[in-house]
């Protein structure tokens, strides 16, 4: 994702806890306009407050605990400028494939330690003072099956089995929007 964003002229920062992942990223994309930090996403020390316009978490939150996600949300809020956005893309635990993995009918990715529902993701982000922009589901990339998913997603009861990925975008409100009410208690 970091390399993709850098191809549009963005100044990009990549964060990973793994020294090996950071080294591989530097080796692959060292010539691009990307800065890589070895950091825990729940503690972005050394990164200035309100220094980013956008933050993207693509296929990350399923690899971290709820406590780490809460810390990540707080840190994203801290480093984003007012009006900045955080986008999240993650597996949906209610999708048929994820349910089959949970029952050992398909092989589970052992690094997926905490798949989060859309409701839990949104509640955590709102608790970190973000305002929701949009939240939706996407179908899979499996030919044929993704057509079935598109048709079935809206149906009550069974629709959740066909919602492959959760996509969320939230915004850090401008200072005026944070005064008073639910979001005023920062």
N, C-alpha and C. Protein backbone atom coordinates (compact mmCIF):
# COMPACT_ATOMS: atom_id res chain seq x y z
N UNK A 1 0.83 -1.18 0.00
CA UNK A 1 0.00 0.00 0.00
C UNK A 1 0.88 1.26 0.00
N UNK A 2 1.96 1.24 0.78
CA UNK A 2 2.81 2.42 0.84
C UNK A 2 3.39 2.75 -0.53
N UNK A 3 3.87 1.74 -1.24
CA UNK A 3 4.44 1.98 -2.56
C UNK A 3 3.37 2.49 -3.51
N UNK A 4 2.18 1.90 -3.49
CA UNK A 4 1.08 2.33 -4.34
C UNK A 4 0.78 3.81 -4.12
N UNK A 5 0.67 4.23 -2.87
CA UNK A 5 0.38 5.64 -2.57
C UNK A 5 1.51 6.55 -3.05
N UNK A 6 2.74 6.08 -2.96
CA UNK A 6 3.87 6.92 -3.37
C UNK A 6 3.89 7.16 -4.87
N UNK A 7 3.26 6.29 -5.66
CA UNK A 7 3.24 6.48 -7.11
C UNK A 7 2.37 7.66 -7.53
N UNK A 8 1.58 8.19 -6.60
CA UNK A 8 0.73 9.34 -6.88
C UNK A 8 1.36 10.64 -6.38
N UNK A 9 2.62 10.58 -6.00
CA UNK A 9 3.30 11.78 -5.55
C UNK A 9 3.12 12.10 -4.08
N UNK A 10 2.49 11.22 -3.35
CA UNK A 10 2.28 11.46 -1.92
C UNK A 10 3.58 11.22 -1.15
N UNK A 11 3.77 11.96 -0.09
CA UNK A 11 4.85 11.69 0.85
C UNK A 11 4.32 10.61 1.77
N UNK A 12 4.94 9.44 1.76
CA UNK A 12 4.37 8.26 2.41
C UNK A 12 5.27 7.76 3.53
N UNK A 13 4.62 7.34 4.61
CA UNK A 13 5.32 6.73 5.75
C UNK A 13 4.73 5.34 5.96
N UNK A 14 5.58 4.34 6.05
CA UNK A 14 5.16 2.98 6.35
C UNK A 14 5.61 2.60 7.74
N UNK A 15 4.74 1.88 8.46
CA UNK A 15 5.04 1.48 9.84
C UNK A 15 4.84 -0.03 9.96
N UNK A 16 5.80 -0.70 10.59
CA UNK A 16 5.67 -2.12 10.87
C UNK A 16 6.48 -2.43 12.12
N UNK A 17 5.99 -3.35 12.92
CA UNK A 17 6.67 -3.75 14.15
C UNK A 17 7.87 -4.66 13.87
N UNK A 18 7.84 -5.34 12.74
CA UNK A 18 8.86 -6.34 12.42
C UNK A 18 10.09 -5.70 11.76
N UNK A 19 11.27 -5.87 12.36
CA UNK A 19 12.49 -5.37 11.72
C UNK A 19 12.71 -6.00 10.34
N UNK A 20 12.38 -7.28 10.20
CA UNK A 20 12.55 -7.97 8.92
C UNK A 20 11.64 -7.37 7.85
N UNK A 21 10.40 -7.04 8.24
CA UNK A 21 9.47 -6.44 7.28
C UNK A 21 9.95 -5.06 6.85
N UNK A 22 10.47 -4.29 7.79
CA UNK A 22 10.99 -2.96 7.46
C UNK A 22 12.18 -3.08 6.52
N UNK A 23 13.08 -4.02 6.81
CA UNK A 23 14.25 -4.22 5.96
C UNK A 23 13.83 -4.64 4.55
N UNK A 24 12.87 -5.55 4.45
CA UNK A 24 12.38 -5.98 3.14
C UNK A 24 11.75 -4.82 2.39
N UNK A 25 10.97 -4.01 3.08
CA UNK A 25 10.33 -2.85 2.44
C UNK A 25 11.38 -1.86 1.94
N UNK A 26 12.38 -1.62 2.74
CA UNK A 26 13.45 -0.70 2.31
C UNK A 26 14.20 -1.26 1.10
N UNK A 27 14.41 -2.56 1.11
CA UNK A 27 15.11 -3.20 -0.01
C UNK A 27 14.27 -3.10 -1.29
N UNK A 28 12.98 -3.34 -1.17
CA UNK A 28 12.10 -3.32 -2.34
C UNK A 28 11.78 -1.91 -2.83
N UNK A 29 11.58 -0.98 -1.88
CA UNK A 29 11.08 0.35 -2.24
C UNK A 29 11.96 1.48 -1.75
N UNK A 30 13.22 1.19 -1.50
CA UNK A 30 14.12 2.20 -0.95
C UNK A 30 14.32 3.41 -1.83
N UNK A 31 14.10 3.25 -3.14
CA UNK A 31 14.29 4.38 -4.04
C UNK A 31 13.04 5.24 -4.15
N UNK A 32 11.92 4.78 -3.62
CA UNK A 32 10.67 5.56 -3.67
C UNK A 32 10.66 6.59 -2.55
N UNK A 33 9.73 7.52 -2.64
CA UNK A 33 9.60 8.58 -1.63
C UNK A 33 8.82 8.05 -0.43
N UNK A 34 9.39 7.06 0.24
CA UNK A 34 8.73 6.43 1.38
C UNK A 34 9.71 6.40 2.55
N UNK A 35 9.21 6.76 3.72
CA UNK A 35 9.98 6.63 4.95
C UNK A 35 9.39 5.46 5.72
N UNK A 36 10.23 4.55 6.18
CA UNK A 36 9.76 3.39 6.94
C UNK A 36 10.20 3.51 8.39
N UNK A 37 9.26 3.25 9.30
CA UNK A 37 9.54 3.26 10.73
C UNK A 37 9.25 1.89 11.32
N UNK A 38 10.15 1.41 12.15
CA UNK A 38 9.89 0.21 12.94
C UNK A 38 9.20 0.67 14.21
N UNK A 39 7.88 0.52 14.24
CA UNK A 39 7.08 1.01 15.36
C UNK A 39 5.91 0.07 15.62
N UNK A 40 5.42 0.14 16.84
CA UNK A 40 4.15 -0.48 17.22
C UNK A 40 3.08 0.54 16.84
N UNK A 41 2.06 0.12 16.11
CA UNK A 41 1.03 1.07 15.66
C UNK A 41 0.27 1.71 16.82
N UNK A 42 0.38 1.13 18.01
CA UNK A 42 -0.30 1.72 19.16
C UNK A 42 0.59 2.69 19.92
N UNK A 43 1.82 2.91 19.41
CA UNK A 43 2.75 3.85 20.04
C UNK A 43 3.68 4.41 18.98
N UNK A 44 3.23 5.44 18.30
CA UNK A 44 3.99 6.02 17.18
C UNK A 44 4.90 7.14 17.67
N UNK A 45 5.73 6.83 18.67
CA UNK A 45 6.63 7.83 19.24
C UNK A 45 7.53 8.41 18.14
N UNK A 46 7.83 9.67 18.29
CA UNK A 46 8.69 10.34 17.32
C UNK A 46 7.96 10.86 16.10
N UNK A 47 6.69 10.55 15.97
CA UNK A 47 5.89 11.08 14.87
C UNK A 47 5.04 12.22 15.43
N UNK A 48 5.17 13.39 14.84
CA UNK A 48 4.56 14.61 15.37
C UNK A 48 3.04 14.57 15.33
N UNK A 49 2.44 15.24 16.30
CA UNK A 49 0.99 15.42 16.33
C UNK A 49 0.54 16.14 15.06
N UNK A 50 -0.64 15.77 14.58
CA UNK A 50 -1.30 16.43 13.45
C UNK A 50 -0.37 16.65 12.27
N UNK A 51 0.36 15.60 11.90
CA UNK A 51 1.33 15.71 10.81
C UNK A 51 0.93 14.96 9.53
N UNK A 52 -0.22 14.27 9.54
CA UNK A 52 -0.65 13.49 8.37
C UNK A 52 -2.04 13.90 7.92
N UNK A 53 -2.25 13.82 6.60
CA UNK A 53 -3.57 14.08 6.02
C UNK A 53 -4.41 12.81 5.98
N UNK A 54 -3.76 11.69 5.78
CA UNK A 54 -4.47 10.41 5.64
C UNK A 54 -3.67 9.30 6.31
N UNK A 55 -4.39 8.30 6.80
CA UNK A 55 -3.78 7.08 7.32
C UNK A 55 -4.56 5.91 6.74
N UNK A 56 -3.85 4.86 6.37
CA UNK A 56 -4.48 3.68 5.78
C UNK A 56 -4.03 2.45 6.55
N UNK A 57 -4.99 1.63 6.93
CA UNK A 57 -4.72 0.36 7.59
C UNK A 57 -5.33 -0.74 6.73
N UNK A 58 -4.54 -1.27 5.82
CA UNK A 58 -5.03 -2.31 4.91
C UNK A 58 -4.52 -3.66 5.37
N UNK A 59 -5.45 -4.54 5.71
CA UNK A 59 -5.11 -5.89 6.18
C UNK A 59 -4.14 -5.85 7.35
N UNK A 60 -4.46 -5.04 8.34
CA UNK A 60 -3.63 -4.95 9.55
C UNK A 60 -4.39 -5.33 10.81
N UNK A 61 -5.59 -4.78 11.00
CA UNK A 61 -6.23 -4.88 12.32
C UNK A 61 -6.57 -6.30 12.74
N UNK A 62 -6.66 -7.22 11.79
CA UNK A 62 -6.90 -8.63 12.15
C UNK A 62 -5.65 -9.27 12.76
N UNK A 63 -4.52 -8.62 12.63
CA UNK A 63 -3.25 -9.15 13.16
C UNK A 63 -2.91 -8.60 14.54
N UNK A 64 -3.76 -7.73 15.09
CA UNK A 64 -3.47 -7.12 16.39
C UNK A 64 -4.64 -7.32 17.36
N UNK A 65 -4.33 -7.28 18.64
CA UNK A 65 -5.36 -7.44 19.67
C UNK A 65 -6.27 -6.23 19.71
N UNK A 66 -7.38 -6.36 20.41
CA UNK A 66 -8.30 -5.24 20.57
C UNK A 66 -7.60 -4.08 21.28
N UNK A 67 -6.81 -4.37 22.31
CA UNK A 67 -6.09 -3.31 23.03
C UNK A 67 -5.13 -2.57 22.09
N UNK A 68 -4.43 -3.31 21.24
CA UNK A 68 -3.52 -2.67 20.28
C UNK A 68 -4.30 -1.84 19.26
N UNK A 69 -5.48 -2.33 18.84
CA UNK A 69 -6.31 -1.57 17.91
C UNK A 69 -6.79 -0.27 18.55
N UNK A 70 -7.18 -0.35 19.81
CA UNK A 70 -7.59 0.87 20.52
C UNK A 70 -6.44 1.88 20.56
N UNK A 71 -5.23 1.39 20.85
CA UNK A 71 -4.05 2.26 20.84
C UNK A 71 -3.77 2.82 19.45
N UNK A 72 -3.93 1.98 18.42
CA UNK A 72 -3.74 2.44 17.05
C UNK A 72 -4.71 3.55 16.70
N UNK A 73 -5.98 3.38 17.11
CA UNK A 73 -6.99 4.41 16.82
C UNK A 73 -6.62 5.72 17.51
N UNK A 74 -6.19 5.65 18.77
CA UNK A 74 -5.79 6.87 19.48
C UNK A 74 -4.59 7.53 18.81
N UNK A 75 -3.61 6.72 18.41
CA UNK A 75 -2.41 7.27 17.76
C UNK A 75 -2.75 7.86 16.39
N UNK A 76 -3.61 7.20 15.64
CA UNK A 76 -4.03 7.74 14.34
C UNK A 76 -4.72 9.09 14.54
N UNK A 77 -5.57 9.17 15.56
CA UNK A 77 -6.24 10.44 15.85
C UNK A 77 -5.21 11.51 16.18
N UNK A 78 -4.20 11.15 16.94
CA UNK A 78 -3.17 12.11 17.35
C UNK A 78 -2.36 12.62 16.16
N UNK A 79 -1.95 11.73 15.26
CA UNK A 79 -1.05 12.14 14.18
C UNK A 79 -1.78 12.73 12.97
N UNK A 80 -3.10 12.53 12.89
CA UNK A 80 -3.85 13.11 11.77
C UNK A 80 -4.16 14.58 12.03
N UNK A 81 -4.12 15.36 10.95
CA UNK A 81 -4.54 16.76 11.02
C UNK A 81 -6.06 16.79 11.15
N UNK A 82 -6.63 17.87 11.70
CA UNK A 82 -8.09 18.01 11.67
C UNK A 82 -8.59 17.90 10.22
N UNK A 83 -9.62 17.11 10.02
CA UNK A 83 -10.13 16.84 8.67
C UNK A 83 -9.44 15.66 8.01
N UNK A 84 -8.40 15.10 8.66
CA UNK A 84 -7.69 13.94 8.12
C UNK A 84 -8.51 12.68 8.23
N UNK A 85 -8.25 11.72 7.36
CA UNK A 85 -9.04 10.49 7.33
C UNK A 85 -8.20 9.26 7.64
N UNK A 86 -8.86 8.30 8.25
CA UNK A 86 -8.31 6.97 8.49
C UNK A 86 -9.18 5.98 7.73
N UNK A 87 -8.57 5.16 6.88
CA UNK A 87 -9.28 4.14 6.13
C UNK A 87 -8.80 2.77 6.58
N UNK A 88 -9.76 1.86 6.76
CA UNK A 88 -9.46 0.50 7.22
C UNK A 88 -10.08 -0.50 6.25
N UNK A 89 -9.30 -1.54 5.92
CA UNK A 89 -9.74 -2.65 5.07
C UNK A 89 -9.33 -3.92 5.79
N UNK A 90 -10.31 -4.78 6.11
CA UNK A 90 -10.01 -5.95 6.93
C UNK A 90 -11.02 -7.07 6.65
N UNK A 91 -10.65 -8.33 6.91
CA UNK A 91 -11.60 -9.43 6.73
C UNK A 91 -12.83 -9.28 7.63
N UNK A 92 -13.95 -9.73 7.13
CA UNK A 92 -15.20 -9.73 7.89
C UNK A 92 -15.37 -11.11 8.55
N UNK A 93 -15.40 -11.17 9.89
CA UNK A 93 -15.48 -12.47 10.56
C UNK A 93 -16.78 -13.23 10.31
N UNK A 94 -17.82 -12.55 9.80
CA UNK A 94 -19.08 -13.25 9.56
C UNK A 94 -19.17 -13.85 8.15
N UNK A 95 -18.18 -13.58 7.30
CA UNK A 95 -18.18 -14.13 5.94
C UNK A 95 -18.06 -15.65 5.99
N UNK A 96 -18.67 -16.31 5.05
CA UNK A 96 -18.70 -17.77 4.98
C UNK A 96 -17.29 -18.37 5.08
N UNK A 97 -16.35 -17.82 4.36
CA UNK A 97 -14.98 -18.35 4.39
C UNK A 97 -14.37 -18.23 5.78
N UNK A 98 -14.56 -17.08 6.43
CA UNK A 98 -14.00 -16.90 7.78
C UNK A 98 -14.69 -17.81 8.79
N UNK A 99 -15.99 -18.05 8.62
CA UNK A 99 -16.70 -18.97 9.51
C UNK A 99 -16.20 -20.40 9.32
N UNK A 100 -15.91 -20.76 8.07
CA UNK A 100 -15.37 -22.10 7.82
C UNK A 100 -13.98 -22.24 8.44
N UNK A 101 -13.18 -21.18 8.38
CA UNK A 101 -11.86 -21.21 9.02
C UNK A 101 -12.01 -21.35 10.53
N UNK A 102 -12.97 -20.64 11.10
CA UNK A 102 -13.17 -20.68 12.55
C UNK A 102 -13.57 -22.08 13.03
N UNK A 103 -14.19 -22.87 12.14
CA UNK A 103 -14.59 -24.24 12.48
C UNK A 103 -13.62 -25.28 11.91
N UNK A 104 -12.43 -24.83 11.53
CA UNK A 104 -11.37 -25.70 11.01
C UNK A 104 -11.76 -26.48 9.75
N UNK A 105 -12.68 -25.91 8.96
CA UNK A 105 -13.04 -26.52 7.69
C UNK A 105 -12.14 -26.00 6.57
N UNK A 106 -11.54 -24.85 6.78
CA UNK A 106 -10.53 -24.29 5.89
C UNK A 106 -9.35 -23.88 6.76
N UNK A 107 -8.19 -23.80 6.14
CA UNK A 107 -6.98 -23.43 6.89
C UNK A 107 -7.04 -21.96 7.31
N UNK A 108 -6.84 -21.74 8.59
CA UNK A 108 -6.82 -20.38 9.15
C UNK A 108 -5.42 -19.80 9.04
N UNK A 109 -5.34 -18.52 8.81
CA UNK A 109 -4.06 -17.82 8.87
C UNK A 109 -3.74 -17.62 10.35
N UNK A 110 -2.69 -18.24 10.87
CA UNK A 110 -2.41 -18.16 12.31
C UNK A 110 -2.06 -16.75 12.79
N UNK A 111 -1.73 -15.86 11.86
CA UNK A 111 -1.43 -14.49 12.28
C UNK A 111 -2.69 -13.63 12.40
N UNK A 112 -3.83 -14.17 11.98
CA UNK A 112 -5.11 -13.47 12.16
C UNK A 112 -5.61 -13.79 13.57
N UNK A 113 -5.19 -12.97 14.53
CA UNK A 113 -5.47 -13.29 15.93
C UNK A 113 -6.76 -12.68 16.46
N UNK A 114 -7.33 -11.69 15.74
CA UNK A 114 -8.55 -11.04 16.24
C UNK A 114 -9.31 -10.36 15.11
N UNK A 115 -10.13 -11.14 14.40
CA UNK A 115 -10.99 -10.54 13.39
C UNK A 115 -12.08 -9.75 14.11
N UNK A 116 -12.29 -8.53 13.66
CA UNK A 116 -13.22 -7.62 14.34
C UNK A 116 -14.44 -7.37 13.46
N UNK A 117 -15.60 -7.30 14.08
CA UNK A 117 -16.81 -7.00 13.34
C UNK A 117 -16.84 -5.51 12.99
N UNK A 118 -17.68 -5.17 12.03
CA UNK A 118 -17.84 -3.76 11.66
C UNK A 118 -18.29 -2.95 12.86
N UNK A 119 -19.20 -3.50 13.66
CA UNK A 119 -19.69 -2.79 14.84
C UNK A 119 -18.59 -2.50 15.85
N UNK A 120 -17.74 -3.49 16.09
CA UNK A 120 -16.65 -3.29 17.05
C UNK A 120 -15.62 -2.30 16.52
N UNK A 121 -15.32 -2.38 15.22
CA UNK A 121 -14.40 -1.42 14.62
C UNK A 121 -14.93 0.00 14.76
N UNK A 122 -16.19 0.19 14.40
CA UNK A 122 -16.78 1.54 14.46
C UNK A 122 -16.85 2.05 15.89
N UNK A 123 -17.22 1.20 16.83
CA UNK A 123 -17.30 1.63 18.24
C UNK A 123 -15.93 2.06 18.75
N UNK A 124 -14.89 1.32 18.38
CA UNK A 124 -13.53 1.67 18.80
C UNK A 124 -13.09 2.99 18.19
N UNK A 125 -13.38 3.18 16.92
CA UNK A 125 -12.98 4.42 16.25
C UNK A 125 -13.75 5.62 16.80
N UNK A 126 -15.02 5.44 17.08
CA UNK A 126 -15.81 6.53 17.67
C UNK A 126 -15.34 6.84 19.08
N UNK A 127 -14.93 5.82 19.83
CA UNK A 127 -14.39 6.04 21.18
C UNK A 127 -13.08 6.83 21.13
N UNK A 128 -12.37 6.74 20.01
CA UNK A 128 -11.13 7.50 19.82
C UNK A 128 -11.42 8.89 19.25
N UNK A 129 -12.71 9.25 19.17
CA UNK A 129 -13.19 10.57 18.75
C UNK A 129 -13.26 10.79 17.24
N UNK A 130 -13.15 9.73 16.45
CA UNK A 130 -13.34 9.87 15.01
C UNK A 130 -14.82 9.99 14.69
N UNK A 131 -15.12 10.67 13.60
CA UNK A 131 -16.48 10.73 13.06
C UNK A 131 -16.56 9.77 11.87
N UNK A 132 -17.64 8.99 11.78
CA UNK A 132 -17.77 8.07 10.64
C UNK A 132 -18.01 8.82 9.34
N UNK A 133 -17.38 8.37 8.26
CA UNK A 133 -17.65 8.87 6.91
C UNK A 133 -18.44 7.83 6.14
N UNK A 134 -17.90 6.60 6.11
CA UNK A 134 -18.59 5.52 5.43
C UNK A 134 -18.08 4.18 5.95
N UNK A 135 -18.95 3.20 5.85
CA UNK A 135 -18.60 1.83 6.21
C UNK A 135 -19.42 0.92 5.31
N UNK A 136 -18.73 0.01 4.65
CA UNK A 136 -19.42 -0.88 3.73
C UNK A 136 -18.64 -2.19 3.60
N UNK A 137 -19.24 -3.13 2.91
CA UNK A 137 -18.63 -4.44 2.69
C UNK A 137 -18.31 -4.59 1.20
N UNK A 138 -17.28 -5.39 0.91
CA UNK A 138 -16.96 -5.70 -0.48
C UNK A 138 -17.05 -7.20 -0.69
N UNK A 139 -17.31 -7.62 -1.92
CA UNK A 139 -17.29 -9.05 -2.23
C UNK A 139 -15.85 -9.52 -2.40
N UNK A 140 -15.69 -10.82 -2.48
CA UNK A 140 -14.37 -11.42 -2.68
C UNK A 140 -13.91 -11.24 -4.12
N UNK A 141 -12.74 -11.71 -4.40
CA UNK A 141 -12.17 -11.66 -5.75
C UNK A 141 -12.31 -13.01 -6.46
N UNK A 142 -13.02 -13.96 -5.86
CA UNK A 142 -13.17 -15.29 -6.44
C UNK A 142 -14.16 -15.24 -7.60
N UNK A 143 -13.72 -15.57 -8.82
CA UNK A 143 -14.62 -15.50 -9.98
C UNK A 143 -15.88 -16.35 -9.76
N UNK A 144 -16.99 -15.81 -10.12
CA UNK A 144 -18.27 -16.51 -9.96
C UNK A 144 -18.84 -16.33 -8.58
N UNK A 145 -18.07 -16.69 -7.56
CA UNK A 145 -18.57 -16.56 -6.19
C UNK A 145 -18.81 -15.10 -5.83
N UNK A 146 -17.98 -14.20 -6.37
CA UNK A 146 -18.18 -12.79 -6.05
C UNK A 146 -19.49 -12.26 -6.64
N UNK A 147 -19.97 -12.86 -7.71
CA UNK A 147 -21.28 -12.47 -8.25
C UNK A 147 -22.39 -12.90 -7.29
N UNK A 148 -22.26 -14.11 -6.76
CA UNK A 148 -23.23 -14.59 -5.76
C UNK A 148 -23.20 -13.67 -4.54
N UNK A 149 -22.00 -13.28 -4.11
CA UNK A 149 -21.87 -12.39 -2.95
C UNK A 149 -22.58 -11.06 -3.19
N UNK A 150 -22.38 -10.49 -4.36
CA UNK A 150 -23.02 -9.20 -4.67
C UNK A 150 -24.54 -9.28 -4.58
N UNK A 151 -25.08 -10.39 -5.03
CA UNK A 151 -26.54 -10.58 -4.99
C UNK A 151 -27.01 -10.82 -3.56
N UNK A 152 -26.28 -11.62 -2.80
CA UNK A 152 -26.73 -12.06 -1.47
C UNK A 152 -26.45 -11.06 -0.34
N UNK A 153 -25.44 -10.20 -0.49
CA UNK A 153 -25.05 -9.27 0.59
C UNK A 153 -26.20 -8.52 1.23
N UNK A 154 -27.14 -7.98 0.47
CA UNK A 154 -28.18 -7.15 1.09
C UNK A 154 -29.25 -7.92 1.88
N UNK A 155 -29.32 -9.24 1.70
CA UNK A 155 -30.40 -10.00 2.32
C UNK A 155 -30.23 -10.14 3.83
N UNK A 156 -31.32 -9.94 4.58
CA UNK A 156 -31.25 -10.16 6.03
C UNK A 156 -30.94 -11.63 6.32
N UNK A 157 -30.42 -11.88 7.46
CA UNK A 157 -30.06 -13.21 7.97
C UNK A 157 -28.88 -13.84 7.25
N UNK A 158 -28.97 -14.04 5.94
CA UNK A 158 -27.89 -14.72 5.22
C UNK A 158 -26.87 -13.76 4.61
N UNK A 159 -27.20 -12.49 4.48
CA UNK A 159 -26.31 -11.53 3.83
C UNK A 159 -24.93 -11.44 4.44
N UNK A 160 -24.86 -11.59 5.76
CA UNK A 160 -23.55 -11.47 6.44
C UNK A 160 -22.57 -12.55 6.01
N UNK A 161 -23.08 -13.68 5.53
CA UNK A 161 -22.21 -14.76 5.06
C UNK A 161 -21.48 -14.40 3.76
N UNK A 162 -21.94 -13.36 3.09
CA UNK A 162 -21.42 -13.02 1.76
C UNK A 162 -20.71 -11.66 1.73
N UNK A 163 -20.44 -11.10 2.87
CA UNK A 163 -19.74 -9.81 2.97
C UNK A 163 -18.28 -10.09 3.30
N UNK A 164 -17.44 -10.08 2.29
CA UNK A 164 -16.06 -10.57 2.38
C UNK A 164 -15.13 -9.67 3.19
N UNK A 165 -15.10 -8.40 2.87
CA UNK A 165 -14.20 -7.46 3.54
C UNK A 165 -14.99 -6.26 4.06
N UNK A 166 -14.49 -5.72 5.17
CA UNK A 166 -15.05 -4.52 5.77
C UNK A 166 -14.19 -3.34 5.33
N UNK A 167 -14.83 -2.30 4.84
CA UNK A 167 -14.15 -1.07 4.44
C UNK A 167 -14.74 0.07 5.26
N UNK A 168 -13.88 0.80 5.94
CA UNK A 168 -14.32 1.89 6.82
C UNK A 168 -13.48 3.12 6.54
N UNK A 169 -14.13 4.26 6.54
CA UNK A 169 -13.43 5.54 6.47
C UNK A 169 -14.01 6.44 7.56
N UNK A 170 -13.12 6.97 8.39
CA UNK A 170 -13.51 7.89 9.45
C UNK A 170 -12.68 9.16 9.31
N UNK A 171 -13.15 10.23 9.92
CA UNK A 171 -12.46 11.52 9.81
C UNK A 171 -12.21 12.09 11.19
N UNK A 172 -11.06 12.73 11.34
CA UNK A 172 -10.78 13.48 12.56
C UNK A 172 -11.49 14.82 12.38
N UNK A 173 -12.43 15.13 13.27
CA UNK A 173 -13.20 16.36 13.08
C UNK A 173 -12.32 17.60 13.22
N UNK A 174 -12.77 18.66 12.57
CA UNK A 174 -12.11 19.95 12.75
C UNK A 174 -12.32 20.40 14.18
N UNK A 175 -11.50 21.30 14.66
CA UNK A 175 -11.57 21.74 16.05
C UNK A 175 -12.95 22.24 16.43
N UNK A 176 -13.64 22.95 15.52
CA UNK A 176 -14.98 23.47 15.82
C UNK A 176 -15.97 22.33 16.05
N UNK A 177 -15.79 21.24 15.32
CA UNK A 177 -16.70 20.10 15.43
C UNK A 177 -16.49 19.32 16.71
N UNK A 178 -15.34 19.49 17.35
CA UNK A 178 -15.03 18.73 18.56
C UNK A 178 -15.47 19.43 19.83
N UNK A 179 -15.98 20.63 19.74
CA UNK A 179 -16.36 21.37 20.93
C UNK A 179 -17.76 20.93 21.36
N UNK A 180 -17.86 20.48 22.61
CA UNK A 180 -19.15 20.08 23.17
C UNK A 180 -19.56 18.68 22.75
N UNK A 181 -20.58 18.16 23.43
CA UNK A 181 -21.17 16.88 23.08
C UNK A 181 -20.22 15.71 23.19
N UNK A 182 -20.59 14.65 22.51
CA UNK A 182 -19.89 13.38 22.58
C UNK A 182 -18.41 13.51 22.22
N UNK A 183 -18.09 14.33 21.21
CA UNK A 183 -16.72 14.42 20.72
C UNK A 183 -15.93 15.53 21.40
N UNK A 184 -16.57 16.30 22.29
CA UNK A 184 -15.88 17.39 22.96
C UNK A 184 -15.01 16.93 24.11
N UNK A 185 -15.24 15.73 24.61
CA UNK A 185 -14.50 15.23 25.76
C UNK A 185 -13.29 14.44 25.28
N UNK A 186 -12.26 15.16 24.92
CA UNK A 186 -11.06 14.52 24.35
C UNK A 186 -10.04 14.26 25.42
